[in-house]
Amino acid sequence: MLKFFILLLRFISFIPFLLIASIISILIFQTFKYIEVAYYIRDFFQSLLFNSLLNAFFITSIAFPIGVWLSFYLYFQGKRKISTTFYILNKMLSVTPAIIFAAIGVMFFYPLLQYLNILNYYVMLIVTFSLMLIPFIILKLNFFIKKKIDPILKEIALALGFSPFQTFIYLFIPSLKFELITIFLWSISIVIGESIIFIFVSLYTDNSHQTLSEYLAISIIDGSDSFSQLYILAFFLFLFINIIDVIRYIIWKKYE
């Protein structure tokens, strides 16, 4: 009887792996089934992927330094009460759905940028995505700061009279260089996979640079494309984002 229960528990423990293996097998089978479609839409796919990468790199390159500097400032220079309040607000923002940020962008940033006469597709994207990405960057970086930077080093830097910029360059960056790379890649994968913000921004600005995730979301709603074409595009988007995440994970684990 005991052996039977042990075998049963072993079988149950393998169920999640069997489910994952089944899902992967179905994905591979479906991909081979529609592989001819990928050949016919390769130029279209490359264009969408290029727009996705360009937008993601452009947005992250601006939002990332802001998030990094705020993380540094709050830890090394910020007053305790202000830092605590900011971190609570930051945690709330970091779990807020993307559609809320898209709505904020339309309701507040759109009229503001229009009033300032700087309304542009990329400006709108940067402002809206920064509101979403910066709390995420601060939250992740704060975890690494507490894990990797000894509080004594902070006191030593202050005792030696390091300026905030010197502390940032000679202590903060060298201590967290690989963590910064992983968070940067993580941010890029978030932007590439995001669709709702791109859709909202495109509705209110002149846009000819449609991204892969945006095209998929609109096509699924409209029902304008065949299932095989949408499946292939969705599969490659899924694959591309996961490749970035695997690279990020390898870097993080190797230099943790």
Foldseek 3Di string as FASTA:
>chain_A
DVVVVVVVVVVVVCVVVVVVVVVVVVLVVLCVVLVVVCVVCVVVLVLQAVLLLVLLCVLLVVLLVVLLLVLLCLVQPNDPVVSVVVLVVLVVLQPDDLLVLLVCLVPPVLVVCVVVVNQALSVSSNVSVSSHLSSVNSVQVNVVCVVFPDVVVSVVCVVVPPDSVRCCVVPVCVRCVLVSVLSSLVSSLVSLQDANNSLSSVVRHPDPRHHLNNVLVVCVVVVPDDPSNSSNSVSVNVVVSVVSNVVSVVSVVVVD
